[in-house]
PDB file of N, CA and C in Angstrom:
ATOM      1  N   MET A   1    -115.812-253.331 -87.095  1.00  0.00           N
ATOM      2  CA  MET A   1    -116.339-254.684 -87.258  1.00  0.00           C
ATOM      3  C   MET A   1    -115.211-255.611 -87.708  1.00  0.00           C
ATOM      4  N   ARG A   2    -115.034-256.703 -86.991  1.00  0.00           N
ATOM      5  CA  ARG A   2    -113.946-257.612 -87.353  1.00  0.00           C
ATOM      6  C   ARG A   2    -114.373-258.519 -88.501  1.00  0.00           C
ATOM      7  N   PRO A   3    -113.413-258.955 -89.290  1.00  0.00           N
ATOM      8  CA  PRO A   3    -113.757-259.821 -90.423  1.00  0.00           C
ATOM      9  C   PRO A   3    -114.245-261.188 -89.943  1.00  0.00           C
ATOM     10  N   VAL A   4    -114.985-261.858 -90.789  1.00  0.00           N
ATOM     11  CA  VAL A   4    -115.439-263.211 -90.475  1.00  0.00           C
ATOM     12  C   VAL A   4    -114.238-264.142 -90.580  1.00  0.00           C
ATOM     13  N   LEU A   5    -114.041-264.942 -89.553  1.00  0.00           N
ATOM     14  CA  LEU A   5    -112.922-265.871 -89.525  1.00  0.00           C
ATOM     15  C   LEU A   5    -113.417-267.289 -89.782  1.00  0.00           C
ATOM     16  N   VAL A   6    -112.552-268.097 -90.352  1.00  0.00           N
ATOM     17  CA  VAL A   6    -112.899-269.496 -90.620  1.00  0.00           C
ATOM     18  C   VAL A   6    -113.274-270.195 -89.323  1.00  0.00           C
ATOM     19  N   ARG A   7    -112.549-269.913 -88.238  1.00  0.00           N
ATOM     20  CA  ARG A   7    -112.858-270.587 -86.968  1.00  0.00           C
ATOM     21  C   ARG A   7    -114.258-270.244 -86.476  1.00  0.00           C
ATOM     22  N   ASP A   8    -114.721-269.008 -86.760  1.00  0.00           N
ATOM     23  CA  ASP A   8    -116.089-268.636 -86.392  1.00  0.00           C
ATOM     24  C   ASP A   8    -117.098-269.488 -87.153  1.00  0.00           C
ATOM     25  N   LEU A   9    -116.868-269.642 -88.447  1.00  0.00           N
ATOM     26  CA  LEU A   9    -117.806-270.391 -89.286  1.00  0.00           C
ATOM     27  C   LEU A   9    -117.771-271.884 -88.976  1.00  0.00           C
ATOM     28  N   ILE A  10    -116.601-272.405 -88.656  1.00  0.00           N
ATOM     29  CA  ILE A  10    -116.506-273.817 -88.266  1.00  0.00           C
ATOM     30  C   ILE A  10    -117.281-274.037 -86.977  1.00  0.00           C
ATOM     31  N   GLY A  11    -117.048-273.185 -85.990  1.00  0.00           N
ATOM     32  CA  GLY A  11    -117.754-273.323 -84.715  1.00  0.00           C
ATOM     33  C   GLY A  11    -119.251-273.199 -84.871  1.00  0.00           C
ATOM     34  N   GLU A  12    -119.675-272.223 -85.658  1.00  0.00           N
ATOM     35  CA  GLU A  12    -121.107-272.015 -85.908  1.00  0.00           C
ATOM     36  C   GLU A  12    -121.718-273.251 -86.570  1.00  0.00           C
ATOM     37  N   SER A  13    -121.025-273.807 -87.540  1.00  0.00           N
ATOM     38  CA  SER A  13    -121.535-274.980 -88.266  1.00  0.00           C
ATOM     39  C   SER A  13    -121.605-276.201 -87.361  1.00  0.00           C
ATOM     40  N   LEU A  14    -120.584-276.398 -86.542  1.00  0.00           N
ATOM     41  CA  LEU A  14    -120.604-277.529 -85.606  1.00  0.00           C
ATOM     42  C   LEU A  14    -121.730-277.380 -84.593  1.00  0.00           C
ATOM     43  N   ARG A  15    -121.896-276.177 -84.068  1.00  0.00           N
ATOM     44  CA  ARG A  15    -122.967-275.933 -83.087  1.00  0.00           C
ATOM     45  C   ARG A  15    -124.341-276.165 -83.713  1.00  0.00           C
ATOM     46  N   GLU A  16    -124.546-275.657 -84.936  1.00  0.00           N
ATOM     47  CA  GLU A  16    -125.829-275.852 -85.619  1.00  0.00           C
ATOM     48  C   GLU A  16    -126.131-277.343 -85.788  1.00  0.00           C
ATOM     49  N   GLU A  17    -125.130-278.117 -86.189  1.00  0.00           N
ATOM     50  CA  GLU A  17    -125.346-279.557 -86.387  1.00  0.00           C
ATOM     51  C   GLU A  17    -125.613-280.255 -85.056  1.00  0.00           C
ATOM     52  N   ARG A  18    -124.837-279.913 -84.023  1.00  0.00           N
ATOM     53  CA  ARG A  18    -125.040-280.538 -82.706  1.00  0.00           C
ATOM     54  C   ARG A  18    -126.457-280.272 -82.212  1.00  0.00           C
ATOM     55  N   MET A  19    -126.891-279.036 -82.334  1.00  0.00           N
ATOM     56  CA  MET A  19    -128.224-278.684 -81.860  1.00  0.00           C
ATOM     57  C   MET A  19    -129.308-279.342 -82.715  1.00  0.00           C
ATOM     58  N   ALA A  20    -129.088-279.430 -84.024  1.00  0.00           N
ATOM     59  CA  ALA A  20    -130.061-280.090 -84.901  1.00  0.00           C
ATOM     60  C   ALA A  20    -130.224-281.561 -84.520  1.00  0.00           C
ATOM     61  N   GLN A  21    -129.144-282.162 -84.027  1.00  0.00           N
ATOM     62  CA  GLN A  21    -129.196-283.561 -83.595  1.00  0.00           C
ATOM     63  C   GLN A  21    -129.739-283.696 -82.169  1.00  0.00           C
ATOM     64  N   GLY A  22    -129.948-282.581 -81.500  1.00  0.00           N
ATOM     65  CA  GLY A  22    -130.457-282.618 -80.131  1.00  0.00           C
ATOM     66  C   GLY A  22    -129.442-283.110 -79.121  1.00  0.00           C
ATOM     67  N   LYS A  23    -128.156-282.960 -79.439  1.00  0.00           N
ATOM     68  CA  LYS A  23    -127.102-283.406 -78.531  1.00  0.00           C
ATOM     69  C   LYS A  23    -126.608-282.243 -77.689  1.00  0.00           C
ATOM     70  N   THR A  24    -126.183-282.559 -76.481  1.00  0.00           N
ATOM     71  CA  THR A  24    -125.633-281.538 -75.592  1.00  0.00           C
ATOM     72  C   THR A  24    -124.125-281.421 -75.814  1.00  0.00           C
ATOM     73  N   LEU A  25    -123.571-280.317 -75.361  1.00  0.00           N
ATOM     74  CA  LEU A  25    -122.117-280.159 -75.397  1.00  0.00           C
ATOM     75  C   LEU A  25    -121.442-281.302 -74.651  1.00  0.00           C
ATOM     76  N   ARG A  26    -122.021-281.664 -73.527  1.00  0.00           N
ATOM     77  CA  ARG A  26    -121.441-282.734 -72.704  1.00  0.00           C
ATOM     78  C   ARG A  26    -121.392-284.059 -73.470  1.00  0.00           C
ATOM     79  N   GLU A  27    -122.462-284.390 -74.170  1.00  0.00           N
ATOM     80  CA  GLU A  27    -122.500-285.647 -74.928  1.00  0.00           C
ATOM     81  C   GLU A  27    -121.432-285.670 -76.014  1.00  0.00           C
ATOM     82  N   VAL A  28    -121.340-284.581 -76.751  1.00  0.00           N
ATOM     83  CA  VAL A  28    -120.377-284.523 -77.852  1.00  0.00           C
ATOM     84  C   VAL A  28    -118.948-284.482 -77.316  1.00  0.00           C
ATOM     85  N   SER A  29    -118.725-283.720 -76.259  1.00  0.00           N
ATOM     86  CA  SER A  29    -117.366-283.632 -75.711  1.00  0.00           C
ATOM     87  C   SER A  29    -116.904-284.994 -75.196  1.00  0.00           C
ATOM     88  N   LYS A  30    -117.807-285.729 -74.579  1.00  0.00           N
ATOM     89  CA  LYS A  30    -117.453-287.063 -74.074  1.00  0.00           C
ATOM     90  C   LYS A  30    -117.134-288.003 -75.226  1.00  0.00           C
ATOM     91  N   SER A  31    -117.981-288.018 -76.229  1.00  0.00           N
ATOM     92  CA  SER A  31    -117.779-288.899 -77.378  1.00  0.00           C
ATOM     93  C   SER A  31    -116.528-288.515 -78.168  1.00  0.00           C
ATOM     94  N   ALA A  32    -116.253-287.216 -78.278  1.00  0.00           N
ATOM     95  CA  ALA A  32    -115.096-286.742 -79.043  1.00  0.00           C
ATOM     96  C   ALA A  32    -113.808-286.780 -78.210  1.00  0.00           C
ATOM     97  N   ARG A  33    -113.962-287.015 -76.910  1.00  0.00           N
ATOM     98  CA  ARG A  33    -112.829-287.030 -75.981  1.00  0.00           C
ATOM     99  C   ARG A  33    -112.085-285.695 -75.956  1.00  0.00           C
ATOM    100  N   VAL A  34    -112.883-284.641 -75.835  1.00  0.00           N
ATOM    101  CA  VAL A  34    -112.348-283.289 -75.717  1.00  0.00           C
ATOM    102  C   VAL A  34    -113.084-282.630 -74.553  1.00  0.00           C
ATOM    103  N   SER A  35    -112.409-281.748 -73.851  1.00  0.00           N
ATOM    104  CA  SER A  35    -113.062-281.137 -72.692  1.00  0.00           C
ATOM    105  C   SER A  35    -114.268-280.323 -73.129  1.00  0.00           C
ATOM    106  N   LEU A  36    -115.247-280.290 -72.266  1.00  0.00           N
ATOM    107  CA  LEU A  36    -116.469-279.549 -72.536  1.00  0.00           C
ATOM    108  C   LEU A  36    -116.158-278.066 -72.771  1.00  0.00           C
ATOM    109  N   GLY A  37    -115.281-277.511 -71.962  1.00  0.00           N
ATOM    110  CA  GLY A  37    -114.918-276.107 -72.097  1.00  0.00           C
ATOM    111  C   GLY A  37    -114.252-275.807 -73.431  1.00  0.00           C
ATOM    112  N   TYR A  38    -113.370-276.709 -73.859  1.00  0.00           N
ATOM    113  CA  TYR A  38    -112.670-276.488 -75.133  1.00  0.00           C
ATOM    114  C   TYR A  38    -113.649-276.583 -76.292  1.00  0.00           C
ATOM    115  N   LEU A  39    -114.543-277.569 -76.260  1.00  0.00           N
ATOM    116  CA  LEU A  39    -115.547-277.702 -77.317  1.00  0.00           C
ATOM    117  C   LEU A  39    -116.426-276.452 -77.373  1.00  0.00           C
ATOM    118  N   SER A  40    -116.794-275.944 -76.223  1.00  0.00           N
ATOM    119  CA  SER A  40    -117.590-274.719 -76.166  1.00  0.00           C
ATOM    120  C   SER A  40    -116.842-273.562 -76.820  1.00  0.00           C
ATOM    121  N   GLU A  41    -115.550-273.444 -76.541  1.00  0.00           N
ATOM    122  CA  GLU A  41    -114.747-272.375 -77.136  1.00  0.00           C
ATOM    123  C   GLU A  41    -114.623-272.539 -78.656  1.00  0.00           C
ATOM    124  N   VAL A  42    -114.506-273.772 -79.114  1.00  0.00           N
ATOM    125  CA  VAL A  42    -114.451-274.031 -80.559  1.00  0.00           C
ATOM    126  C   VAL A  42    -115.767-273.596 -81.192  1.00  0.00           C
ATOM    127  N   GLU A  43    -116.882-273.978 -80.589  1.00  0.00           N
ATOM    128  CA  GLU A  43    -118.193-273.613 -81.133  1.00  0.00           C
ATOM    129  C   GLU A  43    -118.408-272.099 -81.159  1.00  0.00           C
ATOM    130  N   ARG A  44    -117.823-271.391 -80.212  1.00  0.00           N
ATOM    131  CA  ARG A  44    -117.980-269.934 -80.165  1.00  0.00           C
ATOM    132  C   ARG A  44    -116.921-269.201 -80.985  1.00  0.00           C
ATOM    133  N   GLY A  45    -116.053-269.967 -81.659  1.00  0.00           N
ATOM    134  CA  GLY A  45    -115.025-269.354 -82.492  1.00  0.00           C
ATOM    135  C   GLY A  45    -113.887-268.745 -81.703  1.00  0.00           C
ATOM    136  N   GLN A  46    -113.745-269.134 -80.450  1.00  0.00           N
ATOM    137  CA  GLN A  46    -112.678-268.587 -79.609  1.00  0.00           C
ATOM    138  C   GLN A  46    -111.396-269.403 -79.688  1.00  0.00           C
ATOM    139  N   LYS A  47    -111.499-270.632 -80.130  1.00  0.00           N
ATOM    140  CA  LYS A  47    -110.329-271.497 -80.287  1.00  0.00           C
ATOM    141  C   LYS A  47    -110.300-272.026 -81.711  1.00  0.00           C
ATOM    142  N   GLU A  48    -109.097-272.140 -82.237  1.00  0.00           N
ATOM    143  CA  GLU A  48    -108.884-272.689 -83.574  1.00  0.00           C
ATOM    144  C   GLU A  48    -108.570-274.169 -83.391  1.00  0.00           C
ATOM    145  N   ALA A  49    -109.487-275.026 -83.789  1.00  0.00           N
ATOM    146  CA  ALA A  49    -109.331-276.461 -83.592  1.00  0.00           C
ATOM    147  C   ALA A  49    -108.378-277.058 -84.623  1.00  0.00           C
ATOM    148  N   SER A  50    -107.579-278.008 -84.186  1.00  0.00           N
ATOM    149  CA  SER A  50    -106.695-278.729 -85.114  1.00  0.00           C
ATOM    150  C   SER A  50    -107.534-279.648 -85.998  1.00  0.00           C
ATOM    151  N   SER A  51    -106.946-280.110 -87.075  1.00  0.00           N
ATOM    152  CA  SER A  51    -107.673-281.031 -87.963  1.00  0.00           C
ATOM    153  C   SER A  51    -108.025-282.320 -87.238  1.00  0.00           C
ATOM    154  N   GLU A  52    -107.146-282.772 -86.329  1.00  0.00           N
ATOM    155  CA  GLU A  52    -107.424-283.984 -85.559  1.00  0.00           C
ATOM    156  C   GLU A  52    -108.632-283.782 -84.654  1.00  0.00           C
ATOM    157  N   LEU A  53    -108.689-282.618 -84.011  1.00  0.00           N
ATOM    158  CA  LEU A  53    -109.816-282.323 -83.120  1.00  0.00           C
ATOM    159  C   LEU A  53    -111.110-282.195 -83.920  1.00  0.00           C
ATOM    160  N   LEU A  54    -111.047-281.515 -85.060  1.00  0.00           N
ATOM    161  CA  LEU A  54    -112.237-281.391 -85.903  1.00  0.00           C
ATOM    162  C   LEU A  54    -112.740-282.764 -86.340  1.00  0.00           C
ATOM    163  N   ALA A  55    -111.818-283.628 -86.722  1.00  0.00           N
ATOM    164  CA  ALA A  55    -112.202-284.983 -87.137  1.00  0.00           C
ATOM    165  C   ALA A  55    -112.874-285.730 -85.993  1.00  0.00           C
ATOM    166  N   SER A  56    -112.360-285.564 -84.784  1.00  0.00           N
ATOM    167  CA  SER A  56    -112.936-286.226 -83.612  1.00  0.00           C
ATOM    168  C   SER A  56    -114.340-285.702 -83.313  1.00  0.00           C
ATOM    169  N   ILE A  57    -114.517-284.394 -83.404  1.00  0.00           N
ATOM    170  CA  ILE A  57    -115.840-283.799 -83.168  1.00  0.00           C
ATOM    171  C   ILE A  57    -116.816-284.276 -84.240  1.00  0.00           C
ATOM    172  N   CYS A  58    -116.361-284.308 -85.480  1.00  0.00           N
ATOM    173  CA  CYS A  58    -117.229-284.766 -86.565  1.00  0.00           C
ATOM    174  C   CYS A  58    -117.630-286.229 -86.383  1.00  0.00           C
ATOM    175  N   ARG A  59    -116.694-287.069 -85.932  1.00  0.00           N
ATOM    176  CA  ARG A  59    -117.033-288.474 -85.654  1.00  0.00           C
ATOM    177  C   ARG A  59    -118.098-288.553 -84.570  1.00  0.00           C
ATOM    178  N   ALA A  60    -117.956-287.716 -83.549  1.00  0.00           N
ATOM    179  CA  ALA A  60    -118.932-287.700 -82.448  1.00  0.00           C
ATOM    180  C   ALA A  60    -120.309-287.276 -82.949  1.00  0.00           C
ATOM    181  N   LEU A  61    -120.339-286.477 -84.004  1.00  0.00           N
ATOM    182  CA  LEU A  61    -121.606-286.037 -84.597  1.00  0.00           C
ATOM    183  C   LEU A  61    -122.029-286.930 -85.761  1.00  0.00           C
ATOM    184  N   ASP A  62    -121.243-287.959 -86.046  1.00  0.00           N
ATOM    185  CA  ASP A  62    -121.503-288.850 -87.183  1.00  0.00           C
ATOM    186  C   ASP A  62    -121.691-288.027 -88.456  1.00  0.00           C
ATOM    187  N   LEU A  63    -120.737-287.140 -88.679  1.00  0.00           N
ATOM    188  CA  LEU A  63    -120.806-286.184 -89.772  1.00  0.00           C
ATOM    189  C   LEU A  63    -119.444-286.123 -90.457  1.00  0.00           C
ATOM    190  N   PRO A  64    -119.382-286.335 -91.763  1.00  0.00           N
ATOM    191  CA  PRO A  64    -118.085-286.249 -92.448  1.00  0.00           C
ATOM    192  C   PRO A  64    -117.494-284.839 -92.346  1.00  0.00           C
ATOM    193  N   LEU A  65    -116.204-284.764 -92.082  1.00  0.00           N
ATOM    194  CA  LEU A  65    -115.518-283.483 -92.016  1.00  0.00           C
ATOM    195  C   LEU A  65    -115.662-282.728 -93.337  1.00  0.00           C
ATOM    196  N   SER A  66    -115.675-283.449 -94.437  1.00  0.00           N
ATOM    197  CA  SER A  66    -115.801-282.798 -95.744  1.00  0.00           C
ATOM    198  C   SER A  66    -117.112-282.019 -95.853  1.00  0.00           C
ATOM    199  N   ILE A  67    -118.158-282.506 -95.222  1.00  0.00           N
ATOM    200  CA  ILE A  67    -119.444-281.806 -95.246  1.00  0.00           C
ATOM    201  C   ILE A  67    -119.328-280.498 -94.469  1.00  0.00           C
ATOM    202  N   VAL A  68    -118.703-280.553 -93.300  1.00  0.00           N
ATOM    203  CA  VAL A  68    -118.527-279.340 -92.492  1.00  0.00           C
ATOM    204  C   VAL A  68    -117.703-278.321 -93.276  1.00  0.00           C
ATOM    205  N   LEU A  69    -116.613-278.763 -93.888  1.00  0.00           N
ATOM    206  CA  LEU A  69    -115.768-277.839 -94.644  1.00  0.00           C
ATOM    207  C   LEU A  69    -116.507-277.259 -95.840  1.00  0.00           C
ATOM    208  N   ASN A  70    -117.359-278.050 -96.458  1.00  0.00           N
ATOM    209  CA  ASN A  70    -118.156-277.553 -97.581  1.00  0.00           C
ATOM    210  C   ASN A  70    -119.148-276.482 -97.107  1.00  0.00           C
ATOM    211  N   VAL A  71    -119.808-276.728 -95.994  1.00  0.00           N
ATOM    212  CA  VAL A  71    -120.752-275.757 -95.429  1.00  0.00           C
ATOM    213  C   VAL A  71    -120.013-274.464 -95.081  1.00  0.00           C
ATOM    214  N   VAL A  72    -118.845-274.599 -94.461  1.00  0.00           N
ATOM    215  CA  VAL A  72    -118.037-273.428 -94.100  1.00  0.00           C
ATOM    216  C   VAL A  72    -117.631-272.663 -95.351  1.00  0.00           C
ATOM    217  N   SER A  73    -117.248-273.375 -96.394  1.00  0.00           N
ATOM    218  CA  SER A  73    -116.867-272.733 -97.655  1.00  0.00           C
ATOM    219  C   SER A  73    -118.030-271.946 -98.244  1.00  0.00           C
ATOM    220  N   GLU A  74    -119.215-272.533 -98.217  1.00  0.00           N
ATOM    221  CA  GLU A  74    -120.396-271.842 -98.738  1.00  0.00           C
ATOM    222  C   GLU A  74    -120.731-270.605 -97.904  1.00  0.00           C
ATOM    223  N   LYS A  75    -120.608-270.711 -96.584  1.00  0.00           N
ATOM    224  CA  LYS A  75    -120.874-269.568 -95.717  1.00  0.00           C
ATOM    225  C   LYS A  75    -119.864-268.445 -95.980  1.00  0.00           C
ATOM    226  N   MET A  76    -118.595-268.807 -96.140  1.00  0.00           N
ATOM    227  CA  MET A  76    -117.565-267.810 -96.395  1.00  0.00           C
ATOM    228  C   MET A  76    -117.812-267.135 -97.738  1.00  0.00           C
ATOM    229  N   ALA A  77    -118.175-267.908 -98.752  1.00  0.00           N
ATOM    230  CA  ALA A  77    -118.472-267.337-100.068  1.00  0.00           C
ATOM    231  C   ALA A  77    -119.638-266.358 -99.965  1.00  0.00           C
ATOM    232  N   SER A  78    -120.604-266.682 -99.134  1.00  0.00           N
ATOM    233  CA  SER A  78    -121.748-265.796 -98.944  1.00  0.00           C
ATOM    234  C   SER A  78    -121.308-264.476 -98.305  1.00  0.00           C
ATOM    235  N   TYR A  79    -120.450-264.543 -97.287  1.00  0.00           N
ATOM    236  CA  TYR A  79    -119.936-263.333 -96.649  1.00  0.00           C
ATOM    237  C   TYR A  79    -119.109-262.506 -97.625  1.00  0.00           C
ATOM    238  N   GLU A  80    -118.364-263.197 -98.475  1.00  0.00           N
ATOM    239  CA  GLU A  80    -117.513-262.505 -99.445  1.00  0.00           C
ATOM    240  C   GLU A  80    -118.283-262.101-100.699  1.00  0.00           C
ATOM    241  N   LYS A  81    -119.547-262.484-100.732  1.00  0.00           N
ATOM    242  CA  LYS A  81    -120.409-262.186-101.874  1.00  0.00           C
ATOM    243  C   LYS A  81    -119.849-262.749-103.178  1.00  0.00           C
ATOM    244  N   VAL A  82    -119.299-263.956-103.088  1.00  0.00           N
ATOM    245  CA  VAL A  82    -118.773-264.649-104.261  1.00  0.00           C
ATOM    246  C   VAL A  82    -119.935-265.377-104.921  1.00  0.00           C
ATOM    247  N   THR A  83    -120.149-265.121-106.188  1.00  0.00           N
ATOM    248  CA  THR A  83    -121.263-265.770-106.886  1.00  0.00           C
ATOM    249  C   THR A  83    -120.800-266.973-107.683  1.00  0.00           C
ATOM    250  N   ALA A  84    -119.564-266.956-108.159  1.00  0.00           N
ATOM    251  CA  ALA A  84    -119.027-268.091-108.910  1.00  0.00           C
ATOM    252  C   ALA A  84    -117.566-268.254-108.528  1.00  0.00           C
ATOM    253  N   LEU A  85    -117.200-269.458-108.177  1.00  0.00           N
ATOM    254  CA  LEU A  85    -115.822-269.706-107.787  1.00  0.00           C
ATOM    255  C   LEU A  85    -114.959-269.862-109.034  1.00  0.00           C
ATOM    256  N   PRO A  86    -113.819-269.186-109.080  1.00  0.00           N
ATOM    257  CA  PRO A  86    -112.930-269.328-110.227  1.00  0.00           C
ATOM    258  C   PRO A  86    -112.283-270.711-110.231  1.00  0.00           C
ATOM    259  N   THR A  87    -111.878-271.134-111.391  1.00  0.00           N
ATOM    260  CA  THR A  87    -111.152-272.394-111.499  1.00  0.00           C
ATOM    261  C   THR A  87    -109.706-272.123-111.108  1.00  0.00           C
ATOM    262  N   ILE A  88    -109.218-272.893-110.177  1.00  0.00           N
ATOM    263  CA  ILE A  88    -107.841-272.725-109.720  1.00  0.00           C
ATOM    264  C   ILE A  88    -106.989-273.800-110.375  1.00  0.00           C
ATOM    265  N   ARG A  89    -105.952-273.336-111.063  1.00  0.00           N
ATOM    266  CA  ARG A  89    -105.071-274.286-111.734  1.00  0.00           C
ATOM    267  C   ARG A  89    -104.042-274.805-110.743  1.00  0.00           C
ATOM    268  N   PRO A  90    -103.689-276.095-110.834  1.00  0.00           N
ATOM    269  CA  PRO A  90    -102.620-276.623-109.977  1.00  0.00           C
ATOM    270  C   PRO A  90    -101.324-275.849-110.234  1.00  0.00           C
ATOM    271  N   VAL A  91    -100.461-275.790-109.234  1.00  0.00           N
ATOM    272  CA  VAL A  91     -99.217-275.027-109.320  1.00  0.00           C
ATOM    273  C   VAL A  91     -98.376-275.448-110.507  1.00  0.00           C
ATOM    274  N   ALA A  92     -98.285-276.738-110.789  1.00  0.00           N
ATOM    275  CA  ALA A  92     -97.454-277.227-111.905  1.00  0.00           C
ATOM    276  C   ALA A  92     -97.944-276.659-113.227  1.00  0.00           C
ATOM    277  N   GLN A  93     -99.272-276.545-113.411  1.00  0.00           N
ATOM    278  CA  GLN A  93     -99.822-276.000-114.637  1.00  0.00           C
ATOM    279  C   GLN A  93     -99.599-274.495-114.715  1.00  0.00           C
ATOM    280  N   ALA A  94     -99.692-273.820-113.591  1.00  0.00           N
ATOM    281  CA  ALA A  94     -99.554-272.368-113.570  1.00  0.00           C
ATOM    282  C   ALA A  94     -98.134-271.961-113.974  1.00  0.00           C
ATOM    283  N   ALA A  95     -97.146-272.776-113.619  1.00  0.00           N
ATOM    284  CA  ALA A  95     -95.756-272.454-113.926  1.00  0.00           C
ATOM    285  C   ALA A  95     -95.402-272.730-115.370  1.00  0.00           C
ATOM    286  N   ALA A  96     -96.179-273.575-116.040  1.00  0.00           N
ATOM    287  CA  ALA A  96     -95.845-273.978-117.413  1.00  0.00           C
ATOM    288  C   ALA A  96     -96.117-272.888-118.411  1.00  0.00           C
TER     289      ALA A  96
END
């Protein structure tokens, strides 16, 4: 069994939102100015989308990228069975 990848969770989250809005791949790909085939591959976790492409897809869905990343983070934590996220100190503090 292969590990869960961030690209899988991003694609799954984008697809869930697109379908919840009742939009087709064609509608979103046209609005985001990305090929239908590439968007399909992103949704299936077969392609790793750049931040620019993710931002464009999110605009087409009228959805903040931060929301998608938050959903992906929660899904990943669930797969990793993380119950509480540790506090991460900034690098400057860690070195002091």
